[in-house]
C-alpha atoms as a PDB file:
ATOM      1  CA  UNK A   1      80.994  66.191  40.380  1.00  0.00           C
ATOM      2  CA  UNK A   2      79.006  67.314  42.476  1.00  0.00           C
ATOM      3  CA  UNK A   3      79.738  68.165  46.218  1.00  0.00           C
ATOM      4  CA  UNK A   4      76.364  68.182  48.591  1.00  0.00           C
ATOM      5  CA  UNK A   5      76.982  69.065  52.664  1.00  0.00           C
ATOM      6  CA  UNK A   6      74.139  67.947  54.376  1.00  0.00           C
ATOM      7  CA  UNK A   7      73.362  69.278  57.663  1.00  0.00           C
ATOM      8  CA  UNK A   8      70.228  68.306  59.974  1.00  0.00           C
ATOM      9  CA  UNK A   9      68.874  69.038  63.350  1.00  0.00           C
ATOM     10  CA  UNK A  10      70.302  72.416  63.766  1.00  0.00           C
ATOM     11  CA  UNK A  11      67.915  72.984  66.695  1.00  0.00           C
ATOM     12  CA  UNK A  12      68.350  76.294  67.642  1.00  0.00           C
ATOM     13  CA  UNK A  13      67.724  77.246  71.145  1.00  0.00           C
ATOM     14  CA  UNK A  14      69.761  74.047  71.978  1.00  0.00           C
ATOM     15  CA  UNK A  15      72.926  74.704  69.997  1.00  0.00           C
ATOM     16  CA  UNK A  16      76.362  75.896  71.317  1.00  0.00           C
ATOM     17  CA  UNK A  17      76.872  79.510  70.065  1.00  0.00           C
ATOM     18  CA  UNK A  18      80.923  78.615  70.060  1.00  0.00           C
ATOM     19  CA  UNK A  19      80.218  75.767  66.739  1.00  0.00           C
ATOM     20  CA  UNK A  20      78.185  78.223  64.752  1.00  0.00           C
ATOM     21  CA  UNK A  21      81.699  80.067  62.969  1.00  0.00           C
ATOM     22  CA  UNK A  22      83.509  76.864  63.003  1.00  0.00           C
ATOM     23  CA  UNK A  23      80.867  75.013  61.374  1.00  0.00           C
ATOM     24  CA  UNK A  24      79.947  78.091  59.035  1.00  0.00           C
ATOM     25  CA  UNK A  25      83.912  77.363  58.270  1.00  0.00           C
ATOM     26  CA  UNK A  26      83.915  73.947  57.468  1.00  0.00           C
ATOM     27  CA  UNK A  27      80.816  74.234  55.100  1.00  0.00           C
ATOM     28  CA  UNK A  28      82.342  76.834  53.174  1.00  0.00           C
ATOM     29  CA  UNK A  29      85.988  74.552  53.257  1.00  0.00           C
ATOM     30  CA  UNK A  30      84.020  71.942  51.671  1.00  0.00           C
ATOM     31  CA  UNK A  31      82.959  74.102  48.864  1.00  0.00           C
ATOM     32  CA  UNK A  32      79.837  72.335  48.296  1.00  0.00           C
ATOM     33  CA  UNK A  33      77.687  72.516  45.242  1.00  0.00           C
ATOM     34  CA  UNK A  34      74.646  72.346  47.435  1.00  0.00           C
ATOM     35  CA  UNK A  35      73.566  72.745  51.216  1.00  0.00           C
ATOM     36  CA  UNK A  36      70.833  70.177  52.074  1.00  0.00           C
ATOM     37  CA  UNK A  37      69.108  70.565  55.722  1.00  0.00           C
ATOM     38  CA  UNK A  38      67.106  67.844  56.498  1.00  0.00           C
ATOM     39  CA  UNK A  39      64.465  69.371  59.350  1.00  0.00           C
ATOM     40  CA  UNK A  40      64.644  70.438  62.755  1.00  0.00           C
ATOM     41  CA  UNK A  41      66.102  73.825  62.330  1.00  0.00           C
ATOM     42  CA  UNK A  42      64.684  74.780  66.054  1.00  0.00           C
ATOM     43  CA  UNK A  43      63.506  73.413  69.201  1.00  0.00           C
ATOM     44  CA  UNK A  44      60.477  74.666  69.813  1.00  0.00           C
ATOM     45  CA  UNK A  45      59.097  76.310  66.771  1.00  0.00           C
ATOM     46  CA  UNK A  46      59.720  79.629  68.528  1.00  0.00           C
ATOM     47  CA  UNK A  47      60.332  82.837  66.114  1.00  0.00           C
ATOM     48  CA  UNK A  48      63.307  84.003  67.960  1.00  0.00           C
ATOM     49  CA  UNK A  49      64.584  80.131  66.862  1.00  0.00           C
ATOM     50  CA  UNK A  50      63.308  80.240  63.428  1.00  0.00           C
ATOM     51  CA  UNK A  51      65.537  83.800  63.143  1.00  0.00           C
ATOM     52  CA  UNK A  52      68.770  82.494  64.080  1.00  0.00           C
ATOM     53  CA  UNK A  53      68.185  79.754  62.210  1.00  0.00           C
ATOM     54  CA  UNK A  54      67.417  82.182  59.127  1.00  0.00           C
ATOM     55  CA  UNK A  55      70.597  84.101  60.075  1.00  0.00           C
ATOM     56  CA  UNK A  56      73.043  81.375  59.981  1.00  0.00           C
ATOM     57  CA  UNK A  57      71.408  79.902  56.872  1.00  0.00           C
ATOM     58  CA  UNK A  58      71.964  83.501  55.508  1.00  0.00           C
ATOM     59  CA  UNK A  59      75.679  83.073  56.384  1.00  0.00           C
ATOM     60  CA  UNK A  60      75.905  80.089  53.424  1.00  0.00           C
ATOM     61  CA  UNK A  61      76.478  81.116  49.899  1.00  0.00           C
ATOM     62  CA  UNK A  62      75.717  77.965  47.896  1.00  0.00           C
ATOM     63  CA  UNK A  63      71.937  77.060  46.910  1.00  0.00           C
ATOM     64  CA  UNK A  64      70.009  75.533  49.838  1.00  0.00           C
ATOM     65  CA  UNK A  65      67.485  72.517  49.835  1.00  0.00           C
ATOM     66  CA  UNK A  66      65.544  72.096  53.317  1.00  0.00           C
ATOM     67  CA  UNK A  67      62.684  70.453  54.600  1.00  0.00           C
ATOM     68  CA  UNK A  68      60.868  70.804  58.126  1.00  0.00           C
ATOM     69  CA  UNK A  69      61.187  68.281  60.539  1.00  0.00           C
ATOM     70  CA  UNK A  70      59.039  67.564  63.697  1.00  0.00           C
ATOM     71  CA  UNK A  71      60.263  70.119  66.161  1.00  0.00           C
ATOM     72  CA  UNK A  72      59.816  72.881  63.606  1.00  0.00           C
ATOM     73  CA  UNK A  73      56.062  72.282  64.103  1.00  0.00           C
ATOM     74  CA  UNK A  74      54.404  74.231  67.393  1.00  0.00           C
ATOM     75  CA  UNK A  75      54.080  71.427  70.216  1.00  0.00           C
ATOM     76  CA  UNK A  76      52.140  73.143  72.969  1.00  0.00           C
ATOM     77  CA  UNK A  77      50.381  75.741  70.991  1.00  0.00           C
ATOM     78  CA  UNK A  78      47.493  73.519  69.979  1.00  0.00           C
ATOM     79  CA  UNK A  79      45.887  76.271  67.320  1.00  0.00           C
ATOM     80  CA  UNK A  80      49.143  76.768  65.421  1.00  0.00           C
ATOM     81  CA  UNK A  81      50.244  72.815  65.908  1.00  0.00           C
ATOM     82  CA  UNK A  82      46.923  72.084  63.913  1.00  0.00           C
ATOM     83  CA  UNK A  83      45.287  74.851  61.872  1.00  0.00           C
ATOM     84  CA  UNK A  84      49.058  76.735  61.169  1.00  0.00           C
ATOM     85  CA  UNK A  85      51.665  74.144  61.429  1.00  0.00           C
ATOM     86  CA  UNK A  86      54.530  75.607  58.576  1.00  0.00           C
ATOM     87  CA  UNK A  87      53.423  79.475  58.899  1.00  0.00           C
ATOM     88  CA  UNK A  88      56.569  80.316  61.032  1.00  0.00           C
ATOM     89  CA  UNK A  89      58.821  77.856  58.831  1.00  0.00           C
ATOM     90  CA  UNK A  90      57.194  79.145  55.813  1.00  0.00           C
ATOM     91  CA  UNK A  91      58.421  82.662  56.862  1.00  0.00           C
ATOM     92  CA  UNK A  92      61.734  82.183  58.200  1.00  0.00           C
ATOM     93  CA  UNK A  93      63.019  79.129  56.560  1.00  0.00           C
ATOM     94  CA  UNK A  94      61.473  78.679  53.066  1.00  0.00           C
ATOM     95  CA  UNK A  95      58.003  79.114  51.464  1.00  0.00           C
ATOM     96  CA  UNK A  96      58.446  75.398  49.819  1.00  0.00           C
ATOM     97  CA  UNK A  97      57.727  72.202  51.987  1.00  0.00           C
ATOM     98  CA  UNK A  98      58.513  70.144  49.417  1.00  0.00           C
ATOM     99  CA  UNK A  99      61.511  71.583  46.827  1.00  0.00           C
ATOM    100  CA  UNK A 100      63.649  70.378  44.276  1.00  0.00           C
ATOM    101  CA  UNK A 101      66.902  71.001  42.819  1.00  0.00           C
ATOM    102  CA  UNK A 102      68.296  69.786  39.652  1.00  0.00           C
ATOM    103  CA  UNK A 103      71.251  70.628  37.236  1.00  0.00           C
ATOM    104  CA  UNK A 104      73.155  68.354  34.593  1.00  0.00           C
ATOM    105  CA  UNK A 105      74.279  65.984  37.495  1.00  0.00           C
ATOM    106  CA  UNK A 106      71.851  65.667  39.860  1.00  0.00           C
ATOM    107  CA  UNK A 107      67.915  65.758  40.852  1.00  0.00           C
ATOM    108  CA  UNK A 108      66.903  66.317  44.583  1.00  0.00           C
ATOM    109  CA  UNK A 109      63.547  66.089  45.808  1.00  0.00           C
ATOM    110  CA  UNK A 110      62.456  67.287  49.187  1.00  0.00           C
ATOM    111  CA  UNK A 111      59.903  65.864  51.275  1.00  0.00           C
ATOM    112  CA  UNK A 112      57.799  66.605  54.294  1.00  0.00           C
ATOM    113  CA  UNK A 113      57.382  63.767  56.715  1.00  0.00           C
ATOM    114  CA  UNK A 114      56.500  65.997  59.898  1.00  0.00           C
ATOM    115  CA  UNK A 115      52.898  65.643  60.694  1.00  0.00           C
ATOM    116  CA  UNK A 116      50.534  67.792  63.275  1.00  0.00           C
ATOM    117  CA  UNK A 117      49.394  65.164  65.141  1.00  0.00           C
ATOM    118  CA  UNK A 118      52.252  62.709  65.574  1.00  0.00           C
ATOM    119  CA  UNK A 119      54.562  63.539  68.466  1.00  0.00           C
ATOM    120  CA  UNK A 120      57.874  62.724  67.069  1.00  0.00           C
ATOM    121  CA  UNK A 121      57.782  60.471  64.494  1.00  0.00           C
ATOM    122  CA  UNK A 122      56.887  60.970  60.619  1.00  0.00           C
ATOM    123  CA  UNK A 123      55.066  59.757  58.096  1.00  0.00           C
ATOM    124  CA  UNK A 124      55.204  59.611  53.986  1.00  0.00           C
ATOM    125  CA  UNK A 125      52.034  59.135  52.273  1.00  0.00           C
ATOM    126  CA  UNK A 126      51.055  58.140  48.864  1.00  0.00           C
ATOM    127  CA  UNK A 127      50.721  61.519  47.386  1.00  0.00           C
ATOM    128  CA  UNK A 128      53.556  62.569  48.082  1.00  0.00           C
ATOM    129  CA  UNK A 129      55.414  59.400  46.783  1.00  0.00           C
ATOM    130  CA  UNK A 130      53.177  59.671  43.369  1.00  0.00           C
ATOM    131  CA  UNK A 131      55.202  63.361  42.993  1.00  0.00           C
ATOM    132  CA  UNK A 132      58.256  61.675  43.412  1.00  0.00           C
ATOM    133  CA  UNK A 133      57.868  58.910  40.845  1.00  0.00           C
ATOM    134  CA  UNK A 134      56.456  61.283  38.163  1.00  0.00           C
ATOM    135  CA  UNK A 135      59.379  63.702  38.632  1.00  0.00           C
ATOM    136  CA  UNK A 136      61.834  60.991  39.027  1.00  0.00           C
ATOM    137  CA  UNK A 137      60.310  58.798  35.968  1.00  0.00           C
ATOM    138  CA  UNK A 138      60.615  62.134  33.730  1.00  0.00           C
ATOM    139  CA  UNK A 139      64.174  62.526  34.674  1.00  0.00           C
ATOM    140  CA  UNK A 140      67.252  61.661  32.193  1.00  0.00           C
ATOM    141  CA  UNK A 141      68.793  58.118  33.585  1.00  0.00           C
ATOM    142  CA  UNK A 142      72.512  59.785  34.373  1.00  0.00           C
ATOM    143  CA  UNK A 143      71.196  61.879  36.538  1.00  0.00           C
ATOM    144  CA  UNK A 144      71.837  60.664  40.595  1.00  0.00           C
ATOM    145  CA  UNK A 145      68.554  60.590  42.184  1.00  0.00           C
ATOM    146  CA  UNK A 146      68.232  61.777  45.618  1.00  0.00           C
ATOM    147  CA  UNK A 147      65.624  61.863  48.155  1.00  0.00           C
ATOM    148  CA  UNK A 148      65.595  64.191  51.267  1.00  0.00           C
ATOM    149  CA  UNK A 149      63.209  63.586  54.162  1.00  0.00           C
ATOM    150  CA  UNK A 150      63.550  64.878  58.192  1.00  0.00           C
ATOM    151  CA  UNK A 151      62.437  60.710  59.032  1.00  0.00           C
ATOM    152  CA  UNK A 152      64.666  58.000  58.382  1.00  0.00           C
ATOM    153  CA  UNK A 153      64.247  55.218  55.796  1.00  0.00           C
ATOM    154  CA  UNK A 154      66.666  52.721  57.890  1.00  0.00           C
ATOM    155  CA  UNK A 155      67.918  52.873  61.844  1.00  0.00           C
ATOM    156  CA  UNK A 156      70.991  52.573  63.047  1.00  0.00           C
ATOM    157  CA  UNK A 157      71.265  49.087  65.290  1.00  0.00           C
ATOM    158  CA  UNK A 158      69.832  49.555  68.558  1.00  0.00           C
ATOM    159  CA  UNK A 159      67.030  52.326  67.472  1.00  0.00           C
ATOM    160  CA  UNK A 160      63.204  50.940  68.213  1.00  0.00           C
ATOM    161  CA  UNK A 161      61.277  50.410  64.585  1.00  0.00           C
ATOM    162  CA  UNK A 162      58.490  53.135  65.638  1.00  0.00           C
ATOM    163  CA  UNK A 163      61.098  55.402  64.978  1.00  0.00           C
ATOM    164  CA  UNK A 164      61.532  54.572  61.172  1.00  0.00           C
ATOM    165  CA  UNK A 165      59.359  56.971  58.572  1.00  0.00           C
ATOM    166  CA  UNK A 166      56.201  55.644  58.685  1.00  0.00           C
ATOM    167  CA  UNK A 167      54.973  53.529  55.238  1.00  0.00           C
ATOM    168  CA  UNK A 168      58.326  53.517  54.703  1.00  0.00           C
ATOM    169  CA  UNK A 169      57.855  50.157  53.148  1.00  0.00           C
ATOM    170  CA  UNK A 170      55.297  51.483  50.721  1.00  0.00           C
ATOM    171  CA  UNK A 171      57.661  54.396  49.561  1.00  0.00           C
ATOM    172  CA  UNK A 172      60.871  52.296  49.015  1.00  0.00           C
ATOM    173  CA  UNK A 173      59.134  49.737  46.538  1.00  0.00           C
ATOM    174  CA  UNK A 174      57.827  52.827  44.541  1.00  0.00           C
ATOM    175  CA  UNK A 175      60.955  54.310  44.140  1.00  0.00           C
ATOM    176  CA  UNK A 176      62.925  51.588  43.306  1.00  0.00           C
ATOM    177  CA  UNK A 177      60.950  51.790  40.001  1.00  0.00           C
ATOM    178  CA  UNK A 178      62.523  54.851  39.273  1.00  0.00           C
ATOM    179  CA  UNK A 179      65.785  54.006  40.614  1.00  0.00           C
ATOM    180  CA  UNK A 180      65.753  56.304  43.453  1.00  0.00           C
ATOM    181  CA  UNK A 181      70.009  56.423  44.524  1.00  0.00           C
ATOM    182  CA  UNK A 182      69.930  58.259  47.823  1.00  0.00           C
ATOM    183  CA  UNK A 183      68.304  59.028  50.800  1.00  0.00           C
ATOM    184  CA  UNK A 184      69.402  61.711  53.256  1.00  0.00           C
ATOM    185  CA  UNK A 185      67.269  62.405  56.392  1.00  0.00           C
ATOM    186  CA  UNK A 186      68.155  63.255  60.224  1.00  0.00           C
ATOM    187  CA  UNK A 187      65.701  63.139  63.416  1.00  0.00           C
ATOM    188  CA  UNK A 188      67.723  60.522  65.157  1.00  0.00           C
ATOM    189  CA  UNK A 189      71.021  62.658  65.995  1.00  0.00           C
ATOM    190  CA  UNK A 190      72.858  59.437  65.282  1.00  0.00           C
ATOM    191  CA  UNK A 191      75.104  59.492  62.430  1.00  0.00           C
ATOM    192  CA  UNK A 192      74.842  56.058  59.993  1.00  0.00           C
ATOM    193  CA  UNK A 193      74.638  54.659  56.600  1.00  0.00           C
ATOM    194  CA  UNK A 194      73.296  51.774  55.012  1.00  0.00           C
ATOM    195  CA  UNK A 195      72.101  49.765  51.864  1.00  0.00           C
ATOM    196  CA  UNK A 196      68.507  49.752  51.227  1.00  0.00           C
ATOM    197  CA  UNK A 197      68.453  46.102  50.322  1.00  0.00           C
ATOM    198  CA  UNK A 198      69.448  45.488  53.818  1.00  0.00           C
ATOM    199  CA  UNK A 199      65.927  46.274  55.203  1.00  0.00           C
ATOM    200  CA  UNK A 200      63.480  46.216  51.838  1.00  0.00           C
ATOM    201  CA  UNK A 201      65.271  43.239  49.951  1.00  0.00           C
ATOM    202  CA  UNK A 202      63.772  44.622  46.485  1.00  0.00           C
ATOM    203  CA  UNK A 203      65.383  42.604  43.812  1.00  0.00           C
ATOM    204  CA  UNK A 204      67.723  44.812  41.324  1.00  0.00           C
ATOM    205  CA  UNK A 205      67.631  47.890  43.501  1.00  0.00           C
ATOM    206  CA  UNK A 206      69.523  48.898  46.670  1.00  0.00           C
ATOM    207  CA  UNK A 207      69.899  52.449  47.271  1.00  0.00           C
ATOM    208  CA  UNK A 208      72.575  54.370  49.650  1.00  0.00           C
ATOM    209  CA  UNK A 209      70.552  55.783  53.075  1.00  0.00           C
ATOM    210  CA  UNK A 210      72.611  58.541  54.446  1.00  0.00           C
ATOM    211  CA  UNK A 211      71.408  60.277  57.834  1.00  0.00           C
ATOM    212  CA  UNK A 212      73.308  63.028  59.504  1.00  0.00           C
ATOM    213  CA  UNK A 213      73.891  63.220  62.918  1.00  0.00           C
ATOM    214  CA  UNK A 214      73.080  66.568  65.183  1.00  0.00           C
ATOM    215  CA  UNK A 215      75.287  69.836  65.126  1.00  0.00           C
ATOM    216  CA  UNK A 216      73.186  70.828  68.693  1.00  0.00           C
ATOM    217  CA  UNK A 217      73.802  69.938  72.006  1.00  0.00           C
ATOM    218  CA  UNK A 218      71.145  66.852  71.816  1.00  0.00           C
ATOM    219  CA  UNK A 219      73.788  64.582  70.440  1.00  0.00           C
ATOM    220  CA  UNK A 220      72.905  61.028  71.842  1.00  0.00           C
ATOM    221  CA  UNK A 221      76.541  60.207  72.756  1.00  0.00           C
ATOM    222  CA  UNK A 222      77.770  62.097  69.553  1.00  0.00           C
ATOM    223  CA  UNK A 223      79.608  64.882  69.058  1.00  0.00           C
ATOM    224  CA  UNK A 224      78.217  67.612  66.499  1.00  0.00           C
ATOM    225  CA  UNK A 225      78.600  66.956  62.742  1.00  0.00           C
ATOM    226  CA  UNK A 226      77.617  67.203  59.791  1.00  0.00           C
ATOM    227  CA  UNK A 227      78.070  64.961  56.174  1.00  0.00           C
ATOM    228  CA  UNK A 228      79.917  65.862  53.107  1.00  0.00           C
ATOM    229  CA  UNK A 229      78.777  63.793  49.855  1.00  0.00           C
ATOM    230  CA  UNK A 230      81.075  63.759  46.578  1.00  0.00           C
ATOM    231  CA  UNK A 231      78.943  62.725  43.989  1.00  0.00           C
ATOM    232  CA  UNK A 232      79.953  61.421  40.374  1.00  0.00           C
ATOM    233  CA  UNK A 233      78.128  58.548  38.880  1.00  0.00           C
ATOM    234  CA  UNK A 234      79.001  55.376  39.073  1.00  0.00           C
ATOM    235  CA  UNK A 235      80.606  56.757  42.582  1.00  0.00           C
ATOM    236  CA  UNK A 236      79.751  58.175  45.823  1.00  0.00           C
ATOM    237  CA  UNK A 237      82.374  59.104  48.576  1.00  0.00           C
ATOM    238  CA  UNK A 238      80.995  59.905  52.114  1.00  0.00           C
ATOM    239  CA  UNK A 239      82.824  62.364  54.660  1.00  0.00           C
ATOM    240  CA  UNK A 240      81.923  63.007  57.986  1.00  0.00           C
ATOM    241  CA  UNK A 241      82.964  66.451  59.886  1.00  0.00           C
ATOM    242  CA  UNK A 242      83.087  65.871  63.533  1.00  0.00           C
ATOM    243  CA  UNK A 243      83.595  68.687  66.217  1.00  0.00           C
ATOM    244  CA  UNK A 244      86.706  68.532  68.105  1.00  0.00           C
ATOM    245  CA  UNK A 245      85.982  70.378  71.442  1.00  0.00           C
ATOM    246  CA  UNK A 246      89.548  70.323  72.059  1.00  0.00           C
ATOM    247  CA  UNK A 247      90.559  72.162  68.799  1.00  0.00           C
ATOM    248  CA  UNK A 248      87.267  73.921  68.828  1.00  0.00           C
ATOM    249  CA  UNK A 249      86.803  72.815  65.107  1.00  0.00           C
ATOM    250  CA  UNK A 250      85.138  70.131  62.647  1.00  0.00           C
ATOM    251  CA  UNK A 251      87.418  67.407  61.802  1.00  0.00           C
ATOM    252  CA  UNK A 252      87.167  65.591  58.417  1.00  0.00           C
ATOM    253  CA  UNK A 253      86.495  61.210  58.920  1.00  0.00           C
ATOM    254  CA  UNK A 254      86.181  59.682  55.820  1.00  0.00           C
ATOM    255  CA  UNK A 255      83.399  57.228  56.495  1.00  0.00           C
ATOM    256  CA  UNK A 256      83.320  55.224  52.624  1.00  0.00           C
ATOM    257  CA  UNK A 257      83.073  55.309  48.915  1.00  0.00           C
ATOM    258  CA  UNK A 258      80.187  53.481  47.361  1.00  0.00           C
ATOM    259  CA  UNK A 259      79.672  52.204  43.821  1.00  0.00           C
ATOM    260  CA  UNK A 260      76.726  51.733  41.370  1.00  0.00           C
ATOM    261  CA  UNK A 261      76.379  48.236  40.115  1.00  0.00           C
ATOM    262  CA  UNK A 262      73.943  47.008  37.958  1.00  0.00           C
ATOM    263  CA  UNK A 263      71.962  45.863  41.118  1.00  0.00           C
ATOM    264  CA  UNK A 264      72.502  49.020  42.783  1.00  0.00           C
ATOM    265  CA  UNK A 265      74.672  50.986  45.274  1.00  0.00           C
ATOM    266  CA  UNK A 266      78.097  48.859  46.482  1.00  0.00           C
ATOM    267  CA  UNK A 267      80.694  49.549  49.118  1.00  0.00           C
ATOM    268  CA  UNK A 268      84.182  50.132  47.612  1.00  0.00           C
END
């Protein structure tokens, strides 16, 4: 079994410092084999915000797989935004914008969906999909195949369609051919779990799509939270850890269990 802690939208610059120690402790207590962070480490891509994010990341011990978000691209400095958009991310967070992790149970592929020309929303292109398809096609069928992006492949009820990852339809159609199992993202600051078949209706394929909320003060009606996934094919169990301001701790709230069948992932 593999345990993943999935955090997103840390937004250093807009995070309550009182949350950080309990967050570290909650992540540690989950004993993850891998920590995934799906973007937006900072609020405005400032050096001091990246430095604070780096200090927090250094306090977490297990391997980490991280991808940038749109807030990690400078907004007002146009030279940095269009010429060197990820320089500070590479300096403080990771030199790799599209990292990979693999062991004998899972493969996790990171994808950079942040774009300099897009104010907020993101996009995946055919070259990025080519890379993922090639990598997953060469992977043992027994491995659970996980894709991490900042921008989401699905939307919670009530969220406008333009918030969906650009070219998601093309990407999902191709990733279905290599049996992608699980998509992790953030961006919307709303926790959500769904099945790809509900939106994409690809015969014989239904991946699990999981979005983490934010751990910052920018929650849209939600308390700060993060996800923990326990993965052992053919089953995934999802637990959400939610900030309890009265107790000043993160409390585990089981979301559900999912099992893999011939047609994809189903609710237990």
